[in-house]
């Protein structure tokens, strides 16, 4: 079993920045991928970004250039730096854990083995 705890959510004005973090604990495999998804009020959950064990990254088109995913393998953490935030970025952000080390673009919805409980990001104008 793997536990995921997100932190860093909050309220920010449009144009501002936030940094989310997710810490994995428990029975983590030796190598694994991680990612972020989000769910806005009244909408379906959508993919944000993923990062392989090796550090390779993959972003949803609308987030590319504004969001940066990174990880610290020694600390079992993944972070999401969000810049130039827009009102439409308001959502609950979920950390995702894959028991495979590579998340091939297009497969980010498959094999999400664990989810965090989410952290709320609110962007106001």
C-alpha atoms as a PDB file:
ATOM      1  CA  UNK A   1       0.000   0.000   0.000  1.00  0.00           C
ATOM      2  CA  UNK A   2       1.204   3.490  -0.867  1.00  0.00           C
ATOM      3  CA  UNK A   3      -0.009   6.650   0.816  1.00  0.00           C
ATOM      4  CA  UNK A   4       0.062  10.008  -0.919  1.00  0.00           C
ATOM      5  CA  UNK A   5      -0.242  13.333   0.838  1.00  0.00           C
ATOM      6  CA  UNK A   6      -0.562  16.554  -1.135  1.00  0.00           C
ATOM      7  CA  UNK A   7       0.209  20.008   0.176  1.00  0.00           C
ATOM      8  CA  UNK A   8       0.600  23.544  -1.081  1.00  0.00           C
ATOM      9  CA  UNK A   9      -2.886  24.332  -2.268  1.00  0.00           C
ATOM     10  CA  UNK A  10      -4.542  27.624  -1.472  1.00  0.00           C
ATOM     11  CA  UNK A  11      -5.905  30.822  -2.913  1.00  0.00           C
ATOM     12  CA  UNK A  12      -4.033  33.039  -5.316  1.00  0.00           C
ATOM     13  CA  UNK A  13      -4.839  35.877  -7.664  1.00  0.00           C
ATOM     14  CA  UNK A  14      -4.761  35.398 -11.400  1.00  0.00           C
ATOM     15  CA  UNK A  15      -1.236  35.723 -12.696  1.00  0.00           C
ATOM     16  CA  UNK A  16       0.227  34.396  -9.473  1.00  0.00           C
ATOM     17  CA  UNK A  17       2.064  31.184  -8.671  1.00  0.00           C
ATOM     18  CA  UNK A  18       1.666  28.193  -6.398  1.00  0.00           C
ATOM     19  CA  UNK A  19       3.767  25.135  -5.763  1.00  0.00           C
ATOM     20  CA  UNK A  20       2.126  21.840  -4.920  1.00  0.00           C
ATOM     21  CA  UNK A  21       3.924  18.914  -3.374  1.00  0.00           C
ATOM     22  CA  UNK A  22       3.069  15.271  -2.898  1.00  0.00           C
ATOM     23  CA  UNK A  23       4.871  12.880  -0.598  1.00  0.00           C
ATOM     24  CA  UNK A  24       4.662   9.129  -1.117  1.00  0.00           C
ATOM     25  CA  UNK A  25       5.124   6.708   1.729  1.00  0.00           C
ATOM     26  CA  UNK A  26       4.521   3.071   2.495  1.00  0.00           C
ATOM     27  CA  UNK A  27       5.397   0.164   0.219  1.00  0.00           C
ATOM     28  CA  UNK A  28       6.759   2.085  -2.732  1.00  0.00           C
ATOM     29  CA  UNK A  29       8.414   0.058  -5.491  1.00  0.00           C
ATOM     30  CA  UNK A  30      12.042   0.721  -6.301  1.00  0.00           C
ATOM     31  CA  UNK A  31      11.098   2.770  -9.390  1.00  0.00           C
ATOM     32  CA  UNK A  32       7.792   4.424 -10.182  1.00  0.00           C
ATOM     33  CA  UNK A  33       6.144   7.214 -12.079  1.00  0.00           C
ATOM     34  CA  UNK A  34       4.112  10.034 -10.597  1.00  0.00           C
ATOM     35  CA  UNK A  35       1.726  12.617 -11.906  1.00  0.00           C
ATOM     36  CA  UNK A  36      -0.867  15.280 -11.280  1.00  0.00           C
ATOM     37  CA  UNK A  37      -4.495  15.446 -12.298  1.00  0.00           C
ATOM     38  CA  UNK A  38      -7.131  18.023 -11.486  1.00  0.00           C
ATOM     39  CA  UNK A  39     -10.873  18.287 -11.236  1.00  0.00           C
ATOM     40  CA  UNK A  40     -12.710  21.566 -11.523  1.00  0.00           C
ATOM     41  CA  UNK A  41     -16.191  22.035 -10.028  1.00  0.00           C
ATOM     42  CA  UNK A  42     -18.766  20.289 -12.178  1.00  0.00           C
ATOM     43  CA  UNK A  43     -16.165  18.870 -14.547  1.00  0.00           C
ATOM     44  CA  UNK A  44     -14.430  15.577 -15.072  1.00  0.00           C
ATOM     45  CA  UNK A  45     -10.968  14.894 -13.784  1.00  0.00           C
ATOM     46  CA  UNK A  46      -8.283  15.801 -16.295  1.00  0.00           C
ATOM     47  CA  UNK A  47      -4.624  15.038 -16.700  1.00  0.00           C
ATOM     48  CA  UNK A  48      -2.106  17.752 -15.865  1.00  0.00           C
ATOM     49  CA  UNK A  49       1.407  16.286 -15.989  1.00  0.00           C
ATOM     50  CA  UNK A  50       3.436  13.149 -15.368  1.00  0.00           C
ATOM     51  CA  UNK A  51       7.060  12.413 -14.640  1.00  0.00           C
ATOM     52  CA  UNK A  52       8.996   9.210 -15.101  1.00  0.00           C
ATOM     53  CA  UNK A  53      11.451   7.761 -12.656  1.00  0.00           C
ATOM     54  CA  UNK A  54      14.211   8.965 -14.975  1.00  0.00           C
ATOM     55  CA  UNK A  55      12.855  12.516 -14.894  1.00  0.00           C
ATOM     56  CA  UNK A  56      11.211  12.574 -18.303  1.00  0.00           C
ATOM     57  CA  UNK A  57       8.095  14.733 -18.254  1.00  0.00           C
ATOM     58  CA  UNK A  58       4.808  14.944 -20.113  1.00  0.00           C
ATOM     59  CA  UNK A  59       2.206  17.719 -19.925  1.00  0.00           C
ATOM     60  CA  UNK A  60      -1.324  18.351 -21.017  1.00  0.00           C
ATOM     61  CA  UNK A  61      -1.254  20.895 -23.800  1.00  0.00           C
ATOM     62  CA  UNK A  62      -2.938  23.715 -21.910  1.00  0.00           C
ATOM     63  CA  UNK A  63      -0.477  23.472 -19.003  1.00  0.00           C
ATOM     64  CA  UNK A  64       2.707  23.247 -21.003  1.00  0.00           C
ATOM     65  CA  UNK A  65       4.872  26.300 -20.478  1.00  0.00           C
ATOM     66  CA  UNK A  66       3.074  27.395 -17.326  1.00  0.00           C
ATOM     67  CA  UNK A  67       3.381  24.301 -15.137  1.00  0.00           C
ATOM     68  CA  UNK A  68       6.529  22.382 -14.270  1.00  0.00           C
ATOM     69  CA  UNK A  69       6.555  18.941 -12.690  1.00  0.00           C
ATOM     70  CA  UNK A  70       9.616  17.730 -10.844  1.00  0.00           C
ATOM     71  CA  UNK A  71      10.541  15.000  -8.413  1.00  0.00           C
ATOM     72  CA  UNK A  72      13.011  14.138  -5.698  1.00  0.00           C
ATOM     73  CA  UNK A  73      13.528  10.392  -5.774  1.00  0.00           C
ATOM     74  CA  UNK A  74      15.476  10.396  -2.526  1.00  0.00           C
ATOM     75  CA  UNK A  75      12.546  11.998  -0.709  1.00  0.00           C
ATOM     76  CA  UNK A  76       9.771  10.208  -2.637  1.00  0.00           C
ATOM     77  CA  UNK A  77       8.191  13.509  -3.546  1.00  0.00           C
ATOM     78  CA  UNK A  78       6.778  15.110  -6.661  1.00  0.00           C
ATOM     79  CA  UNK A  79       6.082  18.798  -7.073  1.00  0.00           C
ATOM     80  CA  UNK A  80       4.078  20.934  -9.448  1.00  0.00           C
ATOM     81  CA  UNK A  81       5.159  24.526  -9.925  1.00  0.00           C
ATOM     82  CA  UNK A  82       2.258  26.501 -11.357  1.00  0.00           C
ATOM     83  CA  UNK A  83       2.905  29.944 -12.816  1.00  0.00           C
ATOM     84  CA  UNK A  84       0.712  32.483 -14.583  1.00  0.00           C
ATOM     85  CA  UNK A  85      -2.341  30.965 -12.987  1.00  0.00           C
ATOM     86  CA  UNK A  86      -5.736  31.590 -14.530  1.00  0.00           C
ATOM     87  CA  UNK A  87      -9.213  31.402 -13.071  1.00  0.00           C
ATOM     88  CA  UNK A  88      -9.807  28.267 -15.085  1.00  0.00           C
ATOM     89  CA  UNK A  89      -6.986  26.573 -13.181  1.00  0.00           C
ATOM     90  CA  UNK A  90      -9.252  26.518 -10.128  1.00  0.00           C
ATOM     91  CA  UNK A  91      -9.645  22.871  -9.202  1.00  0.00           C
ATOM     92  CA  UNK A  92      -8.798  20.157  -6.751  1.00  0.00           C
ATOM     93  CA  UNK A  93      -5.379  18.818  -7.706  1.00  0.00           C
ATOM     94  CA  UNK A  94      -4.681  15.141  -7.181  1.00  0.00           C
ATOM     95  CA  UNK A  95      -1.375  13.370  -6.969  1.00  0.00           C
ATOM     96  CA  UNK A  96      -1.154  10.105  -8.889  1.00  0.00           C
ATOM     97  CA  UNK A  97       1.198   7.176  -8.365  1.00  0.00           C
ATOM     98  CA  UNK A  98       2.100   4.602 -10.989  1.00  0.00           C
ATOM     99  CA  UNK A  99       3.824   1.349 -10.112  1.00  0.00           C
ATOM    100  CA  UNK A 100       5.589   1.517 -13.480  1.00  0.00           C
ATOM    101  CA  UNK A 101       8.612   3.739 -13.928  1.00  0.00           C
ATOM    102  CA  UNK A 102       7.670   5.196 -17.309  1.00  0.00           C
ATOM    103  CA  UNK A 103       4.417   6.932 -18.147  1.00  0.00           C
ATOM    104  CA  UNK A 104       4.194   6.884 -21.903  1.00  0.00           C
ATOM    105  CA  UNK A 105       2.250   9.841 -23.319  1.00  0.00           C
ATOM    106  CA  UNK A 106      -1.269   8.704 -24.002  1.00  0.00           C
ATOM    107  CA  UNK A 107      -1.260   6.117 -21.218  1.00  0.00           C
ATOM    108  CA  UNK A 108      -1.473   8.465 -18.261  1.00  0.00           C
ATOM    109  CA  UNK A 109      -4.955   7.260 -17.359  1.00  0.00           C
ATOM    110  CA  UNK A 110      -3.948   3.607 -17.280  1.00  0.00           C
ATOM    111  CA  UNK A 111      -2.519   2.027 -14.193  1.00  0.00           C
ATOM    112  CA  UNK A 112      -2.843   4.877 -11.747  1.00  0.00           C
ATOM    113  CA  UNK A 113      -2.425   2.629  -8.788  1.00  0.00           C
ATOM    114  CA  UNK A 114      -2.867   5.194  -6.045  1.00  0.00           C
ATOM    115  CA  UNK A 115      -4.459   8.617  -5.721  1.00  0.00           C
ATOM    116  CA  UNK A 116      -3.963  11.326  -3.171  1.00  0.00           C
ATOM    117  CA  UNK A 117      -6.953  12.952  -1.537  1.00  0.00           C
ATOM    118  CA  UNK A 118      -6.406  16.206  -3.363  1.00  0.00           C
ATOM    119  CA  UNK A 119      -5.569  19.778  -2.545  1.00  0.00           C
ATOM    120  CA  UNK A 120      -7.714  22.750  -3.546  1.00  0.00           C
ATOM    121  CA  UNK A 121      -6.348  25.548  -5.685  1.00  0.00           C
ATOM    122  CA  UNK A 122      -8.507  28.619  -6.078  1.00  0.00           C
ATOM    123  CA  UNK A 123      -7.548  31.345  -8.529  1.00  0.00           C
ATOM    124  CA  UNK A 124      -9.417  34.621  -8.311  1.00  0.00           C
ATOM    125  CA  UNK A 125      -9.418  37.580 -10.662  1.00  0.00           C
END
